[in-house]
Amino acid sequence: MMSKAYHAMAVTHLLGLGDKEILKVLPAKIPAQNTLLVGLHSEEAKFYAKRQKELGLKALKAKKVSSKKVLQWLQGTKASKVVIHLDLDVLDFSEIYVAVGNSGKLKMKEVAHIVESVSAHYEIVGLSIAELMLKELIKLQNMLQKLPLM
C-alpha cells in the first residue's frame, strides 16, 4: 500500500499502485523496470530515494539528464512504444513558474529536445502533463473576487 504522502507522483498509478478507483479505469500498468524518472533534483531525489529503491525505479537526476542517456536506457528495455508523463515540477522555475511544486532544474528546451529525440526513435502512445497550477493567476483571481467590482 502506498502512503498518502506519496500522492505527488502520478507515475504511481501507472505502476498499478495508488487509488483503487483510478486504477479501475486505467487500461494497463507499466512494470517498474520499464519506468525511468527523468529530471529529479536534489530535494526530490532525497524525498523519493526510499520509494525508488522499494519499487525498483531507475532515475536520471536533473544535472545528468540528456536525450542520449534516455535513449540508451530505452534501448535496454526493448520497448517499441513509449508513454511520457511530464510533471511540470521538473521545469526550472527561473524560466517558467507554473507548477504546484515548481522547483525543478530542467530547461524547457531540454525537455522538448528529450521528447523530440524519443519521438524520432519510438512511437509515443501516451503523453500526460501534471502539476499545472497557475499560482499567480489564482492569487489574482482571489484578490479580484474581494473587490467590489464583481
C-alpha atoms as a PDB file:
ATOM      1  CA  MET A   1       0.000   0.000   0.000  1.00  0.00           C
ATOM      2  CA  MET A   2       1.354   3.419  -0.940  1.00  0.00           C
ATOM      3  CA  SER A   3       1.452   6.076   1.716  1.00  0.00           C
ATOM      4  CA  LYS A   4      -0.795   9.097   1.273  1.00  0.00           C
ATOM      5  CA  ALA A   5       2.302  11.295   1.263  1.00  0.00           C
ATOM      6  CA  TYR A   6       3.346   9.678  -1.992  1.00  0.00           C
ATOM      7  CA  HIS A   7       0.433  11.156  -3.966  1.00  0.00           C
ATOM      8  CA  ALA A   8       2.689  13.686  -5.678  1.00  0.00           C
ATOM      9  CA  MET A   9       3.957  11.071  -8.071  1.00  0.00           C
ATOM     10  CA  ALA A  10       1.308  10.371 -10.693  1.00  0.00           C
ATOM     11  CA  VAL A  11       3.503   7.604 -12.041  1.00  0.00           C
ATOM     12  CA  THR A  12       2.382   5.575  -9.033  1.00  0.00           C
ATOM     13  CA  HIS A  13      -0.898   4.802 -10.781  1.00  0.00           C
ATOM     14  CA  LEU A  14       0.865   3.814 -14.000  1.00  0.00           C
ATOM     15  CA  LEU A  15       2.764   1.264 -11.927  1.00  0.00           C
ATOM     16  CA  GLY A  16      -0.550  -0.221 -10.763  1.00  0.00           C
ATOM     17  CA  LEU A  17      -0.385   1.275  -7.278  1.00  0.00           C
ATOM     18  CA  GLY A  18      -2.428   4.009  -5.669  1.00  0.00           C
ATOM     19  CA  ASP A  19      -6.114   4.856  -5.546  1.00  0.00           C
ATOM     20  CA  LYS A  20      -8.258   1.808  -6.356  1.00  0.00           C
ATOM     21  CA  GLU A  21     -10.937   3.846  -8.151  1.00  0.00           C
ATOM     22  CA  ILE A  22      -8.374   5.366 -10.503  1.00  0.00           C
ATOM     23  CA  LEU A  23      -6.723   2.008 -11.101  1.00  0.00           C
ATOM     24  CA  LYS A  24     -10.060   0.532 -12.227  1.00  0.00           C
ATOM     25  CA  VAL A  25     -10.207   2.858 -15.254  1.00  0.00           C
ATOM     26  CA  LEU A  26      -6.605   2.506 -16.385  1.00  0.00           C
ATOM     27  CA  PRO A  27      -6.201   0.118 -19.326  1.00  0.00           C
ATOM     28  CA  ALA A  28      -2.848  -1.314 -18.186  1.00  0.00           C
ATOM     29  CA  LYS A  29       0.017  -0.968 -15.788  1.00  0.00           C
ATOM     30  CA  ILE A  30       3.671  -0.399 -16.589  1.00  0.00           C
ATOM     31  CA  PRO A  31       6.291  -2.516 -14.840  1.00  0.00           C
ATOM     32  CA  ALA A  32       8.711  -0.531 -12.666  1.00  0.00           C
ATOM     33  CA  GLN A  33      11.675  -1.832 -14.654  1.00  0.00           C
ATOM     34  CA  ASN A  34      10.194  -0.127 -17.732  1.00  0.00           C
ATOM     35  CA  THR A  35       9.889   3.222 -15.961  1.00  0.00           C
ATOM     36  CA  LEU A  36      12.540   5.935 -15.925  1.00  0.00           C
ATOM     37  CA  LEU A  37      12.256   9.072 -13.805  1.00  0.00           C
ATOM     38  CA  VAL A  38      13.929  11.942 -15.625  1.00  0.00           C
ATOM     39  CA  GLY A  39      14.834  15.259 -14.061  1.00  0.00           C
ATOM     40  CA  LEU A  40      14.809  14.611 -10.330  1.00  0.00           C
ATOM     41  CA  HIS A  41      16.793  17.224  -8.467  1.00  0.00           C
ATOM     42  CA  SER A  42      18.462  17.021  -5.081  1.00  0.00           C
ATOM     43  CA  GLU A  43      15.474  17.782  -2.838  1.00  0.00           C
ATOM     44  CA  GLU A  44      13.157  15.451  -4.769  1.00  0.00           C
ATOM     45  CA  ALA A  45      15.796  12.754  -5.034  1.00  0.00           C
ATOM     46  CA  LYS A  46      16.174  12.661  -1.243  1.00  0.00           C
ATOM     47  CA  PHE A  47      12.405  12.507  -0.759  1.00  0.00           C
ATOM     48  CA  TYR A  48      11.859   9.732  -3.309  1.00  0.00           C
ATOM     49  CA  ALA A  49      15.032   7.690  -2.750  1.00  0.00           C
ATOM     50  CA  LYS A  50      13.377   5.135  -0.447  1.00  0.00           C
ATOM     51  CA  ARG A  51      10.352   4.669  -2.749  1.00  0.00           C
ATOM     52  CA  GLN A  52      12.552   4.421  -5.805  1.00  0.00           C
ATOM     53  CA  LYS A  53      14.552   1.650  -4.196  1.00  0.00           C
ATOM     54  CA  GLU A  54      11.430  -0.185  -2.943  1.00  0.00           C
ATOM     55  CA  LEU A  55       9.826  -0.090  -6.389  1.00  0.00           C
ATOM     56  CA  GLY A  56      12.993  -0.661  -8.414  1.00  0.00           C
ATOM     57  CA  LEU A  57      12.663   2.601 -10.352  1.00  0.00           C
ATOM     58  CA  LYS A  58      15.613   3.971 -12.292  1.00  0.00           C
ATOM     59  CA  ALA A  59      16.184   7.724 -12.419  1.00  0.00           C
ATOM     60  CA  LEU A  60      18.293  10.370 -14.092  1.00  0.00           C
ATOM     61  CA  LYS A  61      18.927  13.351 -11.874  1.00  0.00           C
ATOM     62  CA  ALA A  62      18.456  16.763 -13.477  1.00  0.00           C
ATOM     63  CA  LYS A  63      22.157  17.533 -13.730  1.00  0.00           C
ATOM     64  CA  LYS A  64      22.805  14.213 -15.513  1.00  0.00           C
ATOM     65  CA  VAL A  65      19.891  14.304 -17.971  1.00  0.00           C
ATOM     66  CA  SER A  66      20.498  14.031 -21.711  1.00  0.00           C
ATOM     67  CA  SER A  67      18.483  12.653 -24.579  1.00  0.00           C
ATOM     68  CA  LYS A  68      21.379  10.246 -25.244  1.00  0.00           C
ATOM     69  CA  LYS A  69      21.074   8.743 -21.748  1.00  0.00           C
ATOM     70  CA  VAL A  70      17.292   8.450 -22.063  1.00  0.00           C
ATOM     71  CA  LEU A  71      17.625   6.716 -25.449  1.00  0.00           C
ATOM     72  CA  GLN A  72      20.306   4.357 -24.092  1.00  0.00           C
ATOM     73  CA  TRP A  73      18.011   3.399 -21.220  1.00  0.00           C
ATOM     74  CA  LEU A  74      15.094   2.849 -23.618  1.00  0.00           C
ATOM     75  CA  GLN A  75      17.202   0.552 -25.783  1.00  0.00           C
ATOM     76  CA  GLY A  76      17.783  -1.630 -22.739  1.00  0.00           C
ATOM     77  CA  THR A  77      14.041  -2.062 -22.189  1.00  0.00           C
ATOM     78  CA  LYS A  78      13.437  -3.453 -25.708  1.00  0.00           C
ATOM     79  CA  ALA A  79      10.345  -1.202 -25.855  1.00  0.00           C
ATOM     80  CA  SER A  80       8.921  -0.041 -29.168  1.00  0.00           C
ATOM     81  CA  LYS A  81       6.262   2.244 -27.676  1.00  0.00           C
ATOM     82  CA  VAL A  82       6.660   4.930 -25.038  1.00  0.00           C
ATOM     83  CA  VAL A  83       4.345   6.688 -22.610  1.00  0.00           C
ATOM     84  CA  ILE A  84       5.593  10.037 -21.313  1.00  0.00           C
ATOM     85  CA  HIS A  85       4.350  11.616 -18.126  1.00  0.00           C
ATOM     86  CA  LEU A  86       5.549  15.219 -17.910  1.00  0.00           C
ATOM     87  CA  ASP A  87       5.346  16.501 -14.382  1.00  0.00           C
ATOM     88  CA  LEU A  88       5.893  20.235 -14.696  1.00  0.00           C
ATOM     89  CA  ASP A  89       7.726  20.238 -11.354  1.00  0.00           C
ATOM     90  CA  VAL A  90      10.889  19.267 -13.257  1.00  0.00           C
ATOM     91  CA  LEU A  91      10.959  22.615 -15.077  1.00  0.00           C
ATOM     92  CA  ASP A  92      13.364  25.316 -13.963  1.00  0.00           C
ATOM     93  CA  PHE A  93      11.233  27.808 -12.032  1.00  0.00           C
ATOM     94  CA  SER A  94      13.515  30.693 -13.046  1.00  0.00           C
ATOM     95  CA  GLU A  95      12.414  30.060 -16.639  1.00  0.00           C
ATOM     96  CA  ILE A  96       8.733  29.266 -16.073  1.00  0.00           C
ATOM     97  CA  TYR A  97       6.765  29.171 -12.851  1.00  0.00           C
ATOM     98  CA  VAL A  98       3.608  27.161 -13.457  1.00  0.00           C
ATOM     99  CA  ALA A  99       3.659  24.050 -11.327  1.00  0.00           C
ATOM    100  CA  VAL A 100       2.453  23.115  -7.863  1.00  0.00           C
ATOM    101  CA  GLY A 101       5.941  22.367  -6.546  1.00  0.00           C
ATOM    102  CA  ASN A 102       7.845  24.053  -9.383  1.00  0.00           C
ATOM    103  CA  SER A 103      11.397  23.734  -8.079  1.00  0.00           C
ATOM    104  CA  GLY A 104      12.938  21.793 -10.938  1.00  0.00           C
ATOM    105  CA  LYS A 105      16.189  22.288 -12.756  1.00  0.00           C
ATOM    106  CA  LEU A 106      15.418  21.351 -16.382  1.00  0.00           C
ATOM    107  CA  LYS A 107      15.069  23.999 -19.057  1.00  0.00           C
ATOM    108  CA  MET A 108      12.023  23.794 -21.332  1.00  0.00           C
ATOM    109  CA  LYS A 109      14.367  23.449 -24.315  1.00  0.00           C
ATOM    110  CA  GLU A 110      15.998  20.372 -22.701  1.00  0.00           C
ATOM    111  CA  VAL A 111      12.632  18.708 -22.048  1.00  0.00           C
ATOM    112  CA  ALA A 112      11.452  19.419 -25.597  1.00  0.00           C
ATOM    113  CA  HIS A 113      14.711  18.009 -27.017  1.00  0.00           C
ATOM    114  CA  ILE A 114      14.370  14.803 -24.996  1.00  0.00           C
ATOM    115  CA  VAL A 115      10.766  14.270 -26.114  1.00  0.00           C
ATOM    116  CA  GLU A 116      11.698  15.035 -29.752  1.00  0.00           C
ATOM    117  CA  SER A 117      14.603  12.556 -29.575  1.00  0.00           C
ATOM    118  CA  VAL A 118      12.423   9.845 -28.094  1.00  0.00           C
ATOM    119  CA  SER A 119       9.765  10.521 -30.741  1.00  0.00           C
ATOM    120  CA  ALA A 120      12.352  10.157 -33.515  1.00  0.00           C
ATOM    121  CA  HIS A 121      13.162   6.601 -32.370  1.00  0.00           C
ATOM    122  CA  TYR A 122       9.992   5.316 -30.684  1.00  0.00           C
ATOM    123  CA  GLU A 123       6.259   5.545 -31.082  1.00  0.00           C
ATOM    124  CA  ILE A 124       4.883   7.789 -28.342  1.00  0.00           C
ATOM    125  CA  VAL A 125       1.488   6.289 -27.487  1.00  0.00           C
ATOM    126  CA  GLY A 126       0.638   8.440 -24.478  1.00  0.00           C
ATOM    127  CA  LEU A 127       1.531  11.822 -23.049  1.00  0.00           C
ATOM    128  CA  SER A 128       0.227  13.245 -19.802  1.00  0.00           C
ATOM    129  CA  ILE A 129       1.040  16.560 -18.180  1.00  0.00           C
ATOM    130  CA  ALA A 130       0.604  17.094 -14.457  1.00  0.00           C
ATOM    131  CA  GLU A 131       1.039  19.660 -11.716  1.00  0.00           C
ATOM    132  CA  LEU A 132      -0.022  22.673 -13.807  1.00  0.00           C
ATOM    133  CA  MET A 133      -1.191  25.368 -11.471  1.00  0.00           C
ATOM    134  CA  LEU A 134      -1.051  28.985 -12.448  1.00  0.00           C
ATOM    135  CA  LYS A 135      -0.316  30.256  -8.958  1.00  0.00           C
ATOM    136  CA  GLU A 136      -0.202  33.930  -9.793  1.00  0.00           C
ATOM    137  CA  LEU A 137      -3.463  33.742 -11.727  1.00  0.00           C
ATOM    138  CA  ILE A 138      -5.162  32.090  -8.748  1.00  0.00           C
ATOM    139  CA  LYS A 139      -3.805  34.768  -6.409  1.00  0.00           C
ATOM    140  CA  LEU A 140      -5.071  37.478  -8.742  1.00  0.00           C
ATOM    141  CA  GLN A 141      -8.485  35.818  -9.022  1.00  0.00           C
ATOM    142  CA  ASN A 142      -8.759  35.612  -5.241  1.00  0.00           C
ATOM    143  CA  MET A 143      -7.895  39.282  -4.913  1.00  0.00           C
ATOM    144  CA  LEU A 144     -10.358  40.344  -7.618  1.00  0.00           C
ATOM    145  CA  GLN A 145     -13.189  38.367  -6.015  1.00  0.00           C
ATOM    146  CA  LYS A 146     -12.791  40.504  -2.908  1.00  0.00           C
ATOM    147  CA  LEU A 147     -13.067  43.786  -4.794  1.00  0.00           C
ATOM    148  CA  PRO A 148     -16.460  45.490  -5.119  1.00  0.00           C
ATOM    149  CA  LEU A 149     -16.097  45.335  -8.905  1.00  0.00           C
ATOM    150  CA  MET A 150     -17.738  41.971  -9.403  1.00  0.00           C
END
